Amino acid sequence: MASLFSKLAHLARTPQGRRAVRQAKQFANDPRRRKQAMDAVNKLRGKRKPPYGH
């Protein structure tokens, strides 16, 4: 059975995989998207942002 890494490597070589990688890079470079991702991660971890944005 193929390992997870080899499956991901195979996916990255497909047109769909290349499109997903390109889109992920664009999202990572967008400050608004980065903040949304960090907020989601912090919510899952149970961390809360301070009140009144401090």
PDB file of N, CA and C in Angstrom:
ATOM      1  N   MET A   1       0.847  -1.177   0.000  1.00  0.00           N
ATOM      2  CA  MET A   1       0.000   0.000   0.000  1.00  0.00           C
ATOM      3  C   MET A   1       0.892   1.240   0.000  1.00  0.00           C
ATOM      4  N   ALA A   2       0.530   2.201  -0.823  1.00  0.00           N
ATOM      5  CA  ALA A   2       1.339   3.404  -0.953  1.00  0.00           C
ATOM      6  C   ALA A   2       1.224   4.261   0.309  1.00  0.00           C
ATOM      7  N   SER A   3       2.328   4.888   0.653  1.00  0.00           N
ATOM      8  CA  SER A   3       2.315   5.755   1.831  1.00  0.00           C
ATOM      9  C   SER A   3       1.572   7.053   1.493  1.00  0.00           C
ATOM     10  N   LEU A   4       1.199   7.759   2.513  1.00  0.00           N
ATOM     11  CA  LEU A   4       0.489   9.018   2.332  1.00  0.00           C
ATOM     12  C   LEU A   4       1.342   9.992   1.520  1.00  0.00           C
ATOM     13  N   PHE A   5       2.636  10.045   1.820  1.00  0.00           N
ATOM     14  CA  PHE A   5       3.509  10.969   1.108  1.00  0.00           C
ATOM     15  C   PHE A   5       3.577  10.633  -0.377  1.00  0.00           C
ATOM     16  N   SER A   6       3.666   9.364  -0.716  1.00  0.00           N
ATOM     17  CA  SER A   6       3.737   9.001  -2.137  1.00  0.00           C
ATOM     18  C   SER A   6       2.426   9.307  -2.845  1.00  0.00           C
ATOM     19  N   LYS A   7       1.303   9.164  -2.137  1.00  0.00           N
ATOM     20  CA  LYS A   7       0.015   9.524  -2.724  1.00  0.00           C
ATOM     21  C   LYS A   7      -0.064  11.027  -2.972  1.00  0.00           C
ATOM     22  N   LEU A   8       0.426  11.811  -2.016  1.00  0.00           N
ATOM     23  CA  LEU A   8       0.426  13.261  -2.191  1.00  0.00           C
ATOM     24  C   LEU A   8       1.366  13.680  -3.319  1.00  0.00           C
ATOM     25  N   ALA A   9       2.505  13.028  -3.419  1.00  0.00           N
ATOM     26  CA  ALA A   9       3.448  13.336  -4.489  1.00  0.00           C
ATOM     27  C   ALA A   9       2.826  13.016  -5.845  1.00  0.00           C
ATOM     28  N   HIS A  10       2.123  11.907  -5.927  1.00  0.00           N
ATOM     29  CA  HIS A  10       1.451  11.543  -7.181  1.00  0.00           C
ATOM     30  C   HIS A  10       0.376  12.573  -7.513  1.00  0.00           C
ATOM     31  N   LEU A  11      -0.418  12.982  -6.522  1.00  0.00           N
ATOM     32  CA  LEU A  11      -1.455  13.991  -6.735  1.00  0.00           C
ATOM     33  C   LEU A  11      -0.855  15.302  -7.222  1.00  0.00           C
ATOM     34  N   ALA A  12       0.281  15.697  -6.658  1.00  0.00           N
ATOM     35  CA  ALA A  12       0.910  16.973  -7.025  1.00  0.00           C
ATOM     36  C   ALA A  12       1.365  16.982  -8.483  1.00  0.00           C
ATOM     37  N   ARG A  13       1.533  15.818  -9.077  1.00  0.00           N
ATOM     38  CA  ARG A  13       1.968  15.759 -10.474  1.00  0.00           C
ATOM     39  C   ARG A  13       0.795  15.791 -11.453  1.00  0.00           C
ATOM     40  N   THR A  14      -0.426  15.665 -10.965  1.00  0.00           N
ATOM     41  CA  THR A  14      -1.596  15.690 -11.840  1.00  0.00           C
ATOM     42  C   THR A  14      -2.025  17.132 -12.088  1.00  0.00           C
ATOM     43  N   PRO A  15      -2.780  17.378 -13.150  1.00  0.00           N
ATOM     44  CA  PRO A  15      -3.269  18.749 -13.390  1.00  0.00           C
ATOM     45  C   PRO A  15      -4.100  19.290 -12.222  1.00  0.00           C
ATOM     46  N   GLN A  16      -4.939  18.446 -11.633  1.00  0.00           N
ATOM     47  CA  GLN A  16      -5.732  18.889 -10.479  1.00  0.00           C
ATOM     48  C   GLN A  16      -4.830  19.232  -9.300  1.00  0.00           C
ATOM     49  N   GLY A  17      -3.814  18.427  -9.084  1.00  0.00           N
ATOM     50  CA  GLY A  17      -2.889  18.668  -7.984  1.00  0.00           C
ATOM     51  C   GLY A  17      -2.102  19.952  -8.172  1.00  0.00           C
ATOM     52  N   ARG A  18      -1.635  20.177  -9.402  1.00  0.00           N
ATOM     53  CA  ARG A  18      -0.896  21.419  -9.676  1.00  0.00           C
ATOM     54  C   ARG A  18      -1.797  22.637  -9.470  1.00  0.00           C
ATOM     55  N   ARG A  19      -3.067  22.516  -9.868  1.00  0.00           N
ATOM     56  CA  ARG A  19      -4.019  23.611  -9.674  1.00  0.00           C
ATOM     57  C   ARG A  19      -4.231  23.854  -8.184  1.00  0.00           C
ATOM     58  N   ALA A  20      -4.359  22.797  -7.392  1.00  0.00           N
ATOM     59  CA  ALA A  20      -4.562  22.925  -5.951  1.00  0.00           C
ATOM     60  C   ALA A  20      -3.345  23.564  -5.276  1.00  0.00           C
ATOM     61  N   VAL A  21      -2.155  23.174  -5.705  1.00  0.00           N
ATOM     62  CA  VAL A  21      -0.930  23.751  -5.143  1.00  0.00           C
ATOM     63  C   VAL A  21      -0.846  25.239  -5.476  1.00  0.00           C
ATOM     64  N   ARG A  22      -1.146  25.582  -6.729  1.00  0.00           N
ATOM     65  CA  ARG A  22      -1.107  26.990  -7.148  1.00  0.00           C
ATOM     66  C   ARG A  22      -2.116  27.815  -6.345  1.00  0.00           C
ATOM     67  N   GLN A  23      -3.317  27.276  -6.150  1.00  0.00           N
ATOM     68  CA  GLN A  23      -4.346  27.986  -5.392  1.00  0.00           C
ATOM     69  C   GLN A  23      -3.937  28.123  -3.921  1.00  0.00           C
ATOM     70  N   ALA A  24      -3.351  27.097  -3.344  1.00  0.00           N
ATOM     71  CA  ALA A  24      -2.900  27.162  -1.949  1.00  0.00           C
ATOM     72  C   ALA A  24      -1.824  28.230  -1.774  1.00  0.00           C
ATOM     73  N   LYS A  25      -0.923  28.325  -2.747  1.00  0.00           N
ATOM     74  CA  LYS A  25       0.117  29.362  -2.672  1.00  0.00           C
ATOM     75  C   LYS A  25      -0.492  30.754  -2.754  1.00  0.00           C
ATOM     76  N   GLN A  26      -1.501  30.934  -3.608  1.00  0.00           N
ATOM     77  CA  GLN A  26      -2.162  32.232  -3.712  1.00  0.00           C
ATOM     78  C   GLN A  26      -2.853  32.584  -2.400  1.00  0.00           C
ATOM     79  N   PHE A  27      -3.540  31.616  -1.801  1.00  0.00           N
ATOM     80  CA  PHE A  27      -4.207  31.865  -0.530  1.00  0.00           C
ATOM     81  C   PHE A  27      -3.201  32.191   0.564  1.00  0.00           C
ATOM     82  N   ALA A  28      -2.061  31.527   0.553  1.00  0.00           N
ATOM     83  CA  ALA A  28      -1.049  31.759   1.586  1.00  0.00           C
ATOM     84  C   ALA A  28      -0.452  33.153   1.475  1.00  0.00           C
ATOM     85  N   ASN A  29      -0.436  33.710   0.269  1.00  0.00           N
ATOM     86  CA  ASN A  29       0.132  35.042   0.077  1.00  0.00           C
ATOM     87  C   ASN A  29      -0.871  36.159   0.333  1.00  0.00           C
ATOM     88  N   ASP A  30      -2.145  35.847   0.485  1.00  0.00           N
ATOM     89  CA  ASP A  30      -3.180  36.838   0.720  1.00  0.00           C
ATOM     90  C   ASP A  30      -3.322  37.056   2.232  1.00  0.00           C
ATOM     91  N   PRO A  31      -3.032  38.262   2.725  1.00  0.00           N
ATOM     92  CA  PRO A  31      -3.085  38.498   4.177  1.00  0.00           C
ATOM     93  C   PRO A  31      -4.463  38.205   4.786  1.00  0.00           C
ATOM     94  N   ARG A  32      -5.518  38.511   4.062  1.00  0.00           N
ATOM     95  CA  ARG A  32      -6.862  38.274   4.590  1.00  0.00           C
ATOM     96  C   ARG A  32      -7.122  36.772   4.731  1.00  0.00           C
ATOM     97  N   ARG A  33      -6.740  36.012   3.718  1.00  0.00           N
ATOM     98  CA  ARG A  33      -6.904  34.557   3.769  1.00  0.00           C
ATOM     99  C   ARG A  33      -6.030  33.943   4.857  1.00  0.00           C
ATOM    100  N   ARG A  34      -4.812  34.479   5.007  1.00  0.00           N
ATOM    101  CA  ARG A  34      -3.909  33.966   6.043  1.00  0.00           C
ATOM    102  C   ARG A  34      -4.527  34.170   7.424  1.00  0.00           C
ATOM    103  N   LYS A  35      -5.127  35.352   7.641  1.00  0.00           N
ATOM    104  CA  LYS A  35      -5.767  35.626   8.927  1.00  0.00           C
ATOM    105  C   LYS A  35      -6.954  34.693   9.139  1.00  0.00           C
ATOM    106  N   GLN A  36      -7.736  34.445   8.079  1.00  0.00           N
ATOM    107  CA  GLN A  36      -8.862  33.524   8.199  1.00  0.00           C
ATOM    108  C   GLN A  36      -8.374  32.127   8.585  1.00  0.00           C
ATOM    109  N   ALA A  37      -7.293  31.696   7.978  1.00  0.00           N
ATOM    110  CA  ALA A  37      -6.753  30.367   8.282  1.00  0.00           C
ATOM    111  C   ALA A  37      -6.248  30.309   9.716  1.00  0.00           C
ATOM    112  N   MET A  38      -5.542  31.333  10.152  1.00  0.00           N
ATOM    113  CA  MET A  38      -5.029  31.349  11.523  1.00  0.00           C
ATOM    114  C   MET A  38      -6.176  31.394  12.536  1.00  0.00           C
ATOM    115  N   ASP A  39      -7.235  32.160  12.233  1.00  0.00           N
ATOM    116  CA  ASP A  39      -8.393  32.201  13.120  1.00  0.00           C
ATOM    117  C   ASP A  39      -9.033  30.819  13.238  1.00  0.00           C
ATOM    118  N   ALA A  40      -9.131  30.116  12.115  1.00  0.00           N
ATOM    119  CA  ALA A  40      -9.722  28.771  12.132  1.00  0.00           C
ATOM    120  C   ALA A  40      -8.862  27.808  12.945  1.00  0.00           C
ATOM    121  N   VAL A  41      -7.545  27.881  12.762  1.00  0.00           N
ATOM    122  CA  VAL A  41      -6.640  27.008  13.519  1.00  0.00           C
ATOM    123  C   VAL A  41      -6.732  27.314  15.008  1.00  0.00           C
ATOM    124  N   ASN A  42      -6.738  28.593  15.347  1.00  0.00           N
ATOM    125  CA  ASN A  42      -6.826  28.971  16.761  1.00  0.00           C
ATOM    126  C   ASN A  42      -8.157  28.541  17.367  1.00  0.00           C
ATOM    127  N   LYS A  43      -9.226  28.613  16.574  1.00  0.00           N
ATOM    128  CA  LYS A  43     -10.523  28.180  17.074  1.00  0.00           C
ATOM    129  C   LYS A  43     -10.505  26.675  17.358  1.00  0.00           C
ATOM    130  N   LEU A  44      -9.879  25.919  16.477  1.00  0.00           N
ATOM    131  CA  LEU A  44      -9.792  24.474  16.683  1.00  0.00           C
ATOM    132  C   LEU A  44      -8.923  24.128  17.886  1.00  0.00           C
ATOM    133  N   ARG A  45      -7.908  24.919  18.110  1.00  0.00           N
ATOM    134  CA  ARG A  45      -7.013  24.674  19.248  1.00  0.00           C
ATOM    135  C   ARG A  45      -7.603  25.171  20.560  1.00  0.00           C
ATOM    136  N   GLY A  46      -8.657  25.967  20.481  1.00  0.00           N
ATOM    137  CA  GLY A  46      -9.291  26.469  21.685  1.00  0.00           C
ATOM    138  C   GLY A  46      -8.764  27.815  22.127  1.00  0.00           C
ATOM    139  N   LYS A  47      -7.889  28.404  21.333  1.00  0.00           N
ATOM    140  CA  LYS A  47      -7.384  29.731  21.676  1.00  0.00           C
ATOM    141  C   LYS A  47      -8.392  30.767  21.195  1.00  0.00           C
ATOM    142  N   ARG A  48      -8.527  31.807  21.960  1.00  0.00           N
ATOM    143  CA  ARG A  48      -9.451  32.873  21.586  1.00  0.00           C
ATOM    144  C   ARG A  48      -8.664  34.163  21.428  1.00  0.00           C
ATOM    145  N   LYS A  49      -9.141  35.021  20.541  1.00  0.00           N
ATOM    146  CA  LYS A  49      -8.458  36.294  20.402  1.00  0.00           C
ATOM    147  C   LYS A  49      -8.903  37.217  21.523  1.00  0.00           C
ATOM    148  N   PRO A  50      -8.038  38.121  21.944  1.00  0.00           N
ATOM    149  CA  PRO A  50      -8.366  38.993  23.059  1.00  0.00           C
ATOM    150  C   PRO A  50      -9.539  39.924  22.711  1.00  0.00           C
ATOM    151  N   PRO A  51     -10.307  40.329  23.712  1.00  0.00           N
ATOM    152  CA  PRO A  51     -11.434  41.217  23.446  1.00  0.00           C
ATOM    153  C   PRO A  51     -10.958  42.582  22.946  1.00  0.00           C
ATOM    154  N   TYR A  52     -11.756  43.201  22.124  1.00  0.00           N
ATOM    155  CA  TYR A  52     -11.491  44.525  21.577  1.00  0.00           C
ATOM    156  C   TYR A  52     -10.222  44.611  20.750  1.00  0.00           C
ATOM    157  N   GLY A  53      -9.775  43.479  20.205  1.00  0.00           N
ATOM    158  CA  GLY A  53      -8.651  43.473  19.296  1.00  0.00           C
ATOM    159  C   GLY A  53      -7.303  43.838  19.899  1.00  0.00           C
ATOM    160  N   HIS A  54      -7.134  43.751  21.199  1.00  0.00           N
ATOM    161  CA  HIS A  54      -5.835  44.057  21.826  1.00  0.00           C
ATOM    162  C   HIS A  54      -4.909  42.900  21.742  1.00  0.00           C
TER     163      HIS A  54
END
